Amino acid sequence: MSEGLVPSRSTLYVGNLDFKLTNNDVAKLFERFGPVGKVTIVKDPTTRKSKGVAFVLMAKIRRVTLKQLLLQ
């Protein structure tokens, strides 16, 4: 991890994801909010299939208003 990253303050929990999404897909979705440090999709330990949730570690979080989000 890069110096300056604080996982407890810069990690987002993301639910209700399509089971077909990859780490790269999720990273691309969040890049518009700032640089993504790491994406971890939670998978079933037996089947290795996605559980539809992920943790996204942001390298730097950019504050975005709802209006800005809707315009993107």
PDB file of N, CA and C in Angstrom:
ATOM      1  N   MET A   1       0.817  -1.175   0.000  1.00  0.00           N
ATOM      2  CA  MET A   1       0.000   0.000   0.000  1.00  0.00           C
ATOM      3  C   MET A   1       0.866   1.246   0.000  1.00  0.00           C
ATOM      4  N   SER A   2       0.368   2.282  -0.648  1.00  0.00           N
ATOM      5  CA  SER A   2       1.098   3.535  -0.701  1.00  0.00           C
ATOM      6  C   SER A   2       1.080   4.222   0.645  1.00  0.00           C
ATOM      7  N   GLU A   3       2.112   4.972   0.902  1.00  0.00           N
ATOM      8  CA  GLU A   3       2.164   5.737   2.138  1.00  0.00           C
ATOM      9  C   GLU A   3       1.033   6.754   2.124  1.00  0.00           C
ATOM     10  N   GLY A   4       0.378   6.928   3.239  1.00  0.00           N
ATOM     11  CA  GLY A   4      -0.701   7.902   3.325  1.00  0.00           C
ATOM     12  C   GLY A   4      -2.088   7.287   3.215  1.00  0.00           C
ATOM     13  N   LEU A   5      -2.195   6.047   2.778  1.00  0.00           N
ATOM     14  CA  LEU A   5      -3.502   5.410   2.707  1.00  0.00           C
ATOM     15  C   LEU A   5      -3.910   4.931   4.088  1.00  0.00           C
ATOM     16  N   VAL A   6      -5.118   5.264   4.471  1.00  0.00           N
ATOM     17  CA  VAL A   6      -5.652   4.820   5.753  1.00  0.00           C
ATOM     18  C   VAL A   6      -6.878   3.966   5.428  1.00  0.00           C
ATOM     19  N   PRO A   7      -6.722   2.628   5.404  1.00  0.00           N
ATOM     20  CA  PRO A   7      -7.820   1.761   4.966  1.00  0.00           C
ATOM     21  C   PRO A   7      -9.147   1.997   5.664  1.00  0.00           C
ATOM     22  N   SER A   8      -9.143   2.265   6.963  1.00  0.00           N
ATOM     23  CA  SER A   8     -10.412   2.436   7.664  1.00  0.00           C
ATOM     24  C   SER A   8     -11.128   3.722   7.263  1.00  0.00           C
ATOM     25  N   ARG A   9     -10.408   4.684   6.744  1.00  0.00           N
ATOM     26  CA  ARG A   9     -11.009   5.956   6.352  1.00  0.00           C
ATOM     27  C   ARG A   9     -11.201   6.085   4.851  1.00  0.00           C
ATOM     28  N   SER A  10     -10.545   5.258   4.081  1.00  0.00           N
ATOM     29  CA  SER A  10     -10.621   5.420   2.636  1.00  0.00           C
ATOM     30  C   SER A  10     -11.126   4.171   1.921  1.00  0.00           C
ATOM     31  N   THR A  11     -11.723   3.238   2.670  1.00  0.00           N
ATOM     32  CA  THR A  11     -12.261   2.027   2.073  1.00  0.00           C
ATOM     33  C   THR A  11     -13.781   2.117   2.022  1.00  0.00           C
ATOM     34  N   LEU A  12     -14.311   1.883   0.853  1.00  0.00           N
ATOM     35  CA  LEU A  12     -15.751   1.920   0.640  1.00  0.00           C
ATOM     36  C   LEU A  12     -16.287   0.503   0.519  1.00  0.00           C
ATOM     37  N   TYR A  13     -17.420   0.243   1.145  1.00  0.00           N
ATOM     38  CA  TYR A  13     -18.121  -1.023   0.982  1.00  0.00           C
ATOM     39  C   TYR A  13     -19.147  -0.799  -0.116  1.00  0.00           C
ATOM     40  N   VAL A  14     -19.149  -1.675  -1.118  1.00  0.00           N
ATOM     41  CA  VAL A  14     -20.067  -1.535  -2.249  1.00  0.00           C
ATOM     42  C   VAL A  14     -20.870  -2.820  -2.367  1.00  0.00           C
ATOM     43  N   GLY A  15     -22.174  -2.700  -2.316  1.00  0.00           N
ATOM     44  CA  GLY A  15     -23.036  -3.871  -2.416  1.00  0.00           C
ATOM     45  C   GLY A  15     -23.891  -3.848  -3.663  1.00  0.00           C
ATOM     46  N   ASN A  16     -24.643  -4.910  -3.862  1.00  0.00           N
ATOM     47  CA  ASN A  16     -25.573  -5.046  -4.969  1.00  0.00           C
ATOM     48  C   ASN A  16     -24.877  -4.991  -6.335  1.00  0.00           C
ATOM     49  N   LEU A  17     -23.681  -5.551  -6.413  1.00  0.00           N
ATOM     50  CA  LEU A  17     -22.928  -5.578  -7.671  1.00  0.00           C
ATOM     51  C   LEU A  17     -23.362  -6.751  -8.542  1.00  0.00           C
ATOM     52  N   ASP A  18     -23.255  -6.551  -9.834  1.00  0.00           N
ATOM     53  CA  ASP A  18     -23.490  -7.652 -10.774  1.00  0.00           C
ATOM     54  C   ASP A  18     -22.418  -8.710 -10.505  1.00  0.00           C
ATOM     55  N   PHE A  19     -22.813  -9.961 -10.471  1.00  0.00           N
ATOM     56  CA  PHE A  19     -21.888 -11.048 -10.147  1.00  0.00           C
ATOM     57  C   PHE A  19     -20.804 -11.246 -11.204  1.00  0.00           C
ATOM     58  N   LYS A  20     -20.983 -10.669 -12.378  1.00  0.00           N
ATOM     59  CA  LYS A  20     -20.012 -10.841 -13.474  1.00  0.00           C
ATOM     60  C   LYS A  20     -18.898  -9.792 -13.460  1.00  0.00           C
ATOM     61  N   LEU A  21     -19.036  -8.760 -12.615  1.00  0.00           N
ATOM     62  CA  LEU A  21     -18.024  -7.698 -12.593  1.00  0.00           C
ATOM     63  C   LEU A  21     -16.689  -8.216 -12.061  1.00  0.00           C
ATOM     64  N   THR A  22     -15.616  -7.691 -12.637  1.00  0.00           N
ATOM     65  CA  THR A  22     -14.259  -8.027 -12.196  1.00  0.00           C
ATOM     66  C   THR A  22     -13.714  -6.875 -11.352  1.00  0.00           C
ATOM     67  N   ASN A  23     -12.559  -7.085 -10.736  1.00  0.00           N
ATOM     68  CA  ASN A  23     -11.894  -6.020  -9.986  1.00  0.00           C
ATOM     69  C   ASN A  23     -11.656  -4.806 -10.871  1.00  0.00           C
ATOM     70  N   ASN A  24     -11.224  -5.037 -12.108  1.00  0.00           N
ATOM     71  CA  ASN A  24     -10.970  -3.931 -13.039  1.00  0.00           C
ATOM     72  C   ASN A  24     -12.247  -3.174 -13.375  1.00  0.00           C
ATOM     73  N   ASP A  25     -13.350  -3.878 -13.555  1.00  0.00           N
ATOM     74  CA  ASP A  25     -14.630  -3.224 -13.845  1.00  0.00           C
ATOM     75  C   ASP A  25     -15.029  -2.284 -12.716  1.00  0.00           C
ATOM     76  N   VAL A  26     -14.915  -2.761 -11.485  1.00  0.00           N
ATOM     77  CA  VAL A  26     -15.290  -1.956 -10.316  1.00  0.00           C
ATOM     78  C   VAL A  26     -14.344  -0.760 -10.186  1.00  0.00           C
ATOM     79  N   ALA A  27     -13.050  -0.981 -10.411  1.00  0.00           N
ATOM     80  CA  ALA A  27     -12.083   0.123 -10.344  1.00  0.00           C
ATOM     81  C   ALA A  27     -12.439   1.211 -11.350  1.00  0.00           C
ATOM     82  N   LYS A  28     -12.803   0.823 -12.556  1.00  0.00           N
ATOM     83  CA  LYS A  28     -13.175   1.810 -13.582  1.00  0.00           C
ATOM     84  C   LYS A  28     -14.398   2.617 -13.171  1.00  0.00           C
ATOM     85  N   LEU A  29     -15.350   1.982 -12.487  1.00  0.00           N
ATOM     86  CA  LEU A  29     -16.540   2.692 -12.028  1.00  0.00           C
ATOM     87  C   LEU A  29     -16.203   3.779 -11.008  1.00  0.00           C
ATOM     88  N   PHE A  30     -15.192   3.525 -10.174  1.00  0.00           N
ATOM     89  CA  PHE A  30     -14.863   4.453  -9.098  1.00  0.00           C
ATOM     90  C   PHE A  30     -13.748   5.430  -9.439  1.00  0.00           C
ATOM     91  N   GLU A  31     -13.074   5.264 -10.567  1.00  0.00           N
ATOM     92  CA  GLU A  31     -11.975   6.161 -10.942  1.00  0.00           C
ATOM     93  C   GLU A  31     -12.415   7.604 -11.109  1.00  0.00           C
ATOM     94  N   ARG A  32     -13.678   7.837 -11.418  1.00  0.00           N
ATOM     95  CA  ARG A  32     -14.144   9.218 -11.589  1.00  0.00           C
ATOM     96  C   ARG A  32     -14.182   9.980 -10.269  1.00  0.00           C
ATOM     97  N   PHE A  33     -14.082   9.261  -9.137  1.00  0.00           N
ATOM     98  CA  PHE A  33     -14.082   9.889  -7.829  1.00  0.00           C
ATOM     99  C   PHE A  33     -12.677  10.060  -7.265  1.00  0.00           C
ATOM    100  N   GLY A  34     -11.673   9.589  -7.993  1.00  0.00           N
ATOM    101  CA  GLY A  34     -10.290   9.690  -7.547  1.00  0.00           C
ATOM    102  C   GLY A  34      -9.552   8.401  -7.831  1.00  0.00           C
ATOM    103  N   PRO A  35      -8.242   8.402  -7.625  1.00  0.00           N
ATOM    104  CA  PRO A  35      -7.444   7.203  -7.891  1.00  0.00           C
ATOM    105  C   PRO A  35      -7.825   6.041  -6.977  1.00  0.00           C
ATOM    106  N   VAL A  36      -7.980   4.871  -7.578  1.00  0.00           N
ATOM    107  CA  VAL A  36      -8.342   3.670  -6.832  1.00  0.00           C
ATOM    108  C   VAL A  36      -7.072   2.921  -6.457  1.00  0.00           C
ATOM    109  N   GLY A  37      -6.911   2.642  -5.160  1.00  0.00           N
ATOM    110  CA  GLY A  37      -5.728   1.920  -4.697  1.00  0.00           C
ATOM    111  C   GLY A  37      -5.860   0.420  -4.878  1.00  0.00           C
ATOM    112  N   LYS A  38      -7.049  -0.126  -4.556  1.00  0.00           N
ATOM    113  CA  LYS A  38      -7.234  -1.568  -4.614  1.00  0.00           C
ATOM    114  C   LYS A  38      -8.727  -1.886  -4.589  1.00  0.00           C
ATOM    115  N   VAL A  39      -9.112  -2.940  -5.297  1.00  0.00           N
ATOM    116  CA  VAL A  39     -10.488  -3.438  -5.259  1.00  0.00           C
ATOM    117  C   VAL A  39     -10.441  -4.899  -4.845  1.00  0.00           C
ATOM    118  N   THR A  40     -11.293  -5.263  -3.891  1.00  0.00           N
ATOM    119  CA  THR A  40     -11.404  -6.653  -3.463  1.00  0.00           C
ATOM    120  C   THR A  40     -12.861  -7.075  -3.567  1.00  0.00           C
ATOM    121  N   ILE A  41     -13.157  -7.956  -4.506  1.00  0.00           N
ATOM    122  CA  ILE A  41     -14.505  -8.506  -4.626  1.00  0.00           C
ATOM    123  C   ILE A  41     -14.590  -9.712  -3.698  1.00  0.00           C
ATOM    124  N   VAL A  42     -15.632  -9.730  -2.866  1.00  0.00           N
ATOM    125  CA  VAL A  42     -15.822 -10.834  -1.923  1.00  0.00           C
ATOM    126  C   VAL A  42     -16.368 -12.036  -2.692  1.00  0.00           C
ATOM    127  N   LYS A  43     -15.695 -13.190  -2.523  1.00  0.00           N
ATOM    128  CA  LYS A  43     -16.086 -14.402  -3.246  1.00  0.00           C
ATOM    129  C   LYS A  43     -16.365 -15.543  -2.276  1.00  0.00           C
ATOM    130  N   ASP A  44     -17.240 -16.432  -2.697  1.00  0.00           N
ATOM    131  CA  ASP A  44     -17.518 -17.635  -1.925  1.00  0.00           C
ATOM    132  C   ASP A  44     -16.259 -18.485  -1.900  1.00  0.00           C
ATOM    133  N   PRO A  45     -15.807 -18.944  -0.731  1.00  0.00           N
ATOM    134  CA  PRO A  45     -14.553 -19.706  -0.657  1.00  0.00           C
ATOM    135  C   PRO A  45     -14.608 -21.063  -1.367  1.00  0.00           C
ATOM    136  N   THR A  46     -15.785 -21.624  -1.480  1.00  0.00           N
ATOM    137  CA  THR A  46     -15.899 -22.939  -2.124  1.00  0.00           C
ATOM    138  C   THR A  46     -16.023 -22.836  -3.638  1.00  0.00           C
ATOM    139  N   THR A  47     -16.949 -21.990  -4.090  1.00  0.00           N
ATOM    140  CA  THR A  47     -17.216 -21.890  -5.537  1.00  0.00           C
ATOM    141  C   THR A  47     -16.355 -20.843  -6.226  1.00  0.00           C
ATOM    142  N   ARG A  48     -15.770 -19.925  -5.455  1.00  0.00           N
ATOM    143  CA  ARG A  48     -14.971 -18.808  -5.988  1.00  0.00           C
ATOM    144  C   ARG A  48     -15.810 -17.839  -6.816  1.00  0.00           C
ATOM    145  N   LYS A  49     -17.144 -17.899  -6.663  1.00  0.00           N
ATOM    146  CA  LYS A  49     -18.030 -16.972  -7.372  1.00  0.00           C
ATOM    147  C   LYS A  49     -18.253 -15.733  -6.513  1.00  0.00           C
ATOM    148  N   SER A  50     -18.454 -14.610  -7.185  1.00  0.00           N
ATOM    149  CA  SER A  50     -18.684 -13.350  -6.504  1.00  0.00           C
ATOM    150  C   SER A  50     -19.934 -13.405  -5.637  1.00  0.00           C
ATOM    151  N   LYS A  51     -19.866 -12.721  -4.495  1.00  0.00           N
ATOM    152  CA  LYS A  51     -21.038 -12.592  -3.627  1.00  0.00           C
ATOM    153  C   LYS A  51     -21.776 -11.285  -3.903  1.00  0.00           C
ATOM    154  N   GLY A  52     -21.301 -10.522  -4.892  1.00  0.00           N
ATOM    155  CA  GLY A  52     -21.969  -9.277  -5.267  1.00  0.00           C
ATOM    156  C   GLY A  52     -21.614  -8.085  -4.406  1.00  0.00           C
ATOM    157  N   VAL A  53     -20.538  -8.191  -3.624  1.00  0.00           N
ATOM    158  CA  VAL A  53     -20.071  -7.065  -2.809  1.00  0.00           C
ATOM    159  C   VAL A  53     -18.560  -6.904  -2.985  1.00  0.00           C
ATOM    160  N   ALA A  54     -18.086  -5.697  -2.725  1.00  0.00           N
ATOM    161  CA  ALA A  54     -16.654  -5.425  -2.870  1.00  0.00           C
ATOM    162  C   ALA A  54     -16.227  -4.345  -1.887  1.00  0.00           C
ATOM    163  N   PHE A  55     -14.931  -4.276  -1.664  1.00  0.00           N
ATOM    164  CA  PHE A  55     -14.318  -3.197  -0.903  1.00  0.00           C
ATOM    165  C   PHE A  55     -13.411  -2.443  -1.867  1.00  0.00           C
ATOM    166  N   VAL A  56     -13.567  -1.126  -1.897  1.00  0.00           N
ATOM    167  CA  VAL A  56     -12.779  -0.284  -2.796  1.00  0.00           C
ATOM    168  C   VAL A  56     -11.929   0.647  -1.940  1.00  0.00           C
ATOM    169  N   LEU A  57     -10.624   0.489  -2.025  1.00  0.00           N
ATOM    170  CA  LEU A  57      -9.691   1.342  -1.294  1.00  0.00           C
ATOM    171  C   LEU A  57      -9.313   2.506  -2.202  1.00  0.00           C
ATOM    172  N   MET A  58      -9.711   3.698  -1.800  1.00  0.00           N
ATOM    173  CA  MET A  58      -9.430   4.892  -2.593  1.00  0.00           C
ATOM    174  C   MET A  58      -8.095   5.489  -2.155  1.00  0.00           C
ATOM    175  N   ALA A  59      -7.241   5.779  -3.130  1.00  0.00           N
ATOM    176  CA  ALA A  59      -5.951   6.380  -2.824  1.00  0.00           C
ATOM    177  C   ALA A  59      -6.130   7.823  -2.359  1.00  0.00           C
ATOM    178  N   LYS A  60      -7.135   8.500  -2.929  1.00  0.00           N
ATOM    179  CA  LYS A  60      -7.445   9.872  -2.544  1.00  0.00           C
ATOM    180  C   LYS A  60      -8.922  10.077  -2.858  1.00  0.00           C
ATOM    181  N   ILE A  61      -9.680  10.504  -1.893  1.00  0.00           N
ATOM    182  CA  ILE A  61     -11.111  10.689  -2.097  1.00  0.00           C
ATOM    183  C   ILE A  61     -11.393  12.137  -2.458  1.00  0.00           C
ATOM    184  N   ARG A  62     -12.090  12.308  -3.567  1.00  0.00           N
ATOM    185  CA  ARG A  62     -12.513  13.635  -4.015  1.00  0.00           C
ATOM    186  C   ARG A  62     -13.953  13.841  -3.561  1.00  0.00           C
ATOM    187  N   ARG A  63     -14.229  14.941  -2.930  1.00  0.00           N
ATOM    188  CA  ARG A  63     -15.597  15.223  -2.490  1.00  0.00           C
ATOM    189  C   ARG A  63     -16.452  15.559  -3.711  1.00  0.00           C
ATOM    190  N   VAL A  64     -17.603  14.914  -3.781  1.00  0.00           N
ATOM    191  CA  VAL A  64     -18.501  15.103  -4.909  1.00  0.00           C
ATOM    192  C   VAL A  64     -19.898  15.353  -4.367  1.00  0.00           C
ATOM    193  N   THR A  65     -20.584  16.353  -4.934  1.00  0.00           N
ATOM    194  CA  THR A  65     -21.959  16.605  -4.537  1.00  0.00           C
ATOM    195  C   THR A  65     -22.888  15.716  -5.359  1.00  0.00           C
ATOM    196  N   LEU A  66     -24.109  15.570  -4.885  1.00  0.00           N
ATOM    197  CA  LEU A  66     -25.094  14.766  -5.602  1.00  0.00           C
ATOM    198  C   LEU A  66     -25.335  15.342  -6.993  1.00  0.00           C
ATOM    199  N   LYS A  67     -25.377  16.644  -7.113  1.00  0.00           N
ATOM    200  CA  LYS A  67     -25.574  17.279  -8.415  1.00  0.00           C
ATOM    201  C   LYS A  67     -24.450  16.911  -9.378  1.00  0.00           C
ATOM    202  N   GLN A  68     -23.211  16.947  -8.905  1.00  0.00           N
ATOM    203  CA  GLN A  68     -22.068  16.568  -9.745  1.00  0.00           C
ATOM    204  C   GLN A  68     -22.169  15.119 -10.168  1.00  0.00           C
ATOM    205  N   LEU A  69     -22.602  14.248  -9.252  1.00  0.00           N
ATOM    206  CA  LEU A  69     -22.743  12.825  -9.553  1.00  0.00           C
ATOM    207  C   LEU A  69     -23.756  12.611 -10.654  1.00  0.00           C
ATOM    208  N   LEU A  70     -24.880  13.285 -10.571  1.00  0.00           N
ATOM    209  CA  LEU A  70     -25.940  13.116 -11.550  1.00  0.00           C
ATOM    210  C   LEU A  70     -25.561  13.650 -12.923  1.00  0.00           C
ATOM    211  N   LEU A  71     -24.669  14.626 -12.963  1.00  0.00           N
ATOM    212  CA  LEU A  71     -24.252  15.207 -14.239  1.00  0.00           C
ATOM    213  C   LEU A  71     -23.176  14.388 -14.945  1.00  0.00           C
ATOM    214  N   GLN A  72     -22.552  13.458 -14.250  1.00  0.00           N
ATOM    215  CA  GLN A  72     -21.476  12.669 -14.849  1.00  0.00           C
ATOM    216  C   GLN A  72     -22.009  11.538 -15.679  1.00  0.00           C
TER     217      GLN A  72
END
